Amino acid sequence: MKDRYSLVVGLLFLILVGIAAVHTLSGGGGEDTLGLDSQPLHWPLPEFAVPDAAGGLEGDANIAQDDCESAAVPCPSGDRRHPACEIPTPGAIRVCELFGRPLVLSFWFNKGSNCAAQQDVVNSVYERFRGEVNFLSIDVRDSRETVRELIRQHGWKLPIGYDRDGAVAGLYRVGLCPTFAYVYPGGTLESAGIGELSVAQLSGRVRDLLAATHSAEAS
């Protein structure tokens, strides 16, 4: 992505975080603060590809929804790039490849928060439901060294993507951590939530997602 675009995305993410903080401090709570939890049922999740946080790939996320290199609409003739889910880059996690099963997305950042500890819960639930449900944890804007050290210290096994410039968080309007998205197979939103969960609570949300998936498939 172009440097100017990355700067704009980063500034938007910081603005979202600031709005969320003001809302929380003013007594607004977290359940209706921003973004995913206000999206309608079956909202199609935007495409993205991110470096595997534990891998060697460097760079920002790709959030291209089509083959246009710029943000201009319509796309200028001859100005092309690979859409996020079509990039062939080794070491990238493409969200569309996880849409074959129900999916749980967890967005978090360690800087200025204690959300890293919540990923212990996510990893435990991942271990319990792997094979039935896909999981992807997205770190937003921490240093790569910090994320790798957290993965090593905590022994997390679930896939963890690295959103270096906050592009994915901006795309999904994530302003608080942790933010969870529960996703139907095929990549549409079943539900979303903000705030820390216990293993029992997150397991219950995953069972709800599985039940909703089976109900949708039966109908």
Foldseek 3Di string as FASTA:
>chain_A
DDPVVLVVLLVLLVVLQVQQVVCVVVPNDFFPRWFDQPDDFQAFQQKKKFAFLQDDDDDAIARARAFAQDPDPPRPPPRGHDHHQPDPDPRIDIVLVQLQAKEKEWEDEVVPDPQLVLVLLVQVLCVVQPVHYAYEYEYEQDDSVVVNVSCVVSVRDHTYGYRNSNNSCSSRSPNAPTKMFIAARVGTTRHIGHDGDHSVRVNVVVVVSVVVNVVVVVD
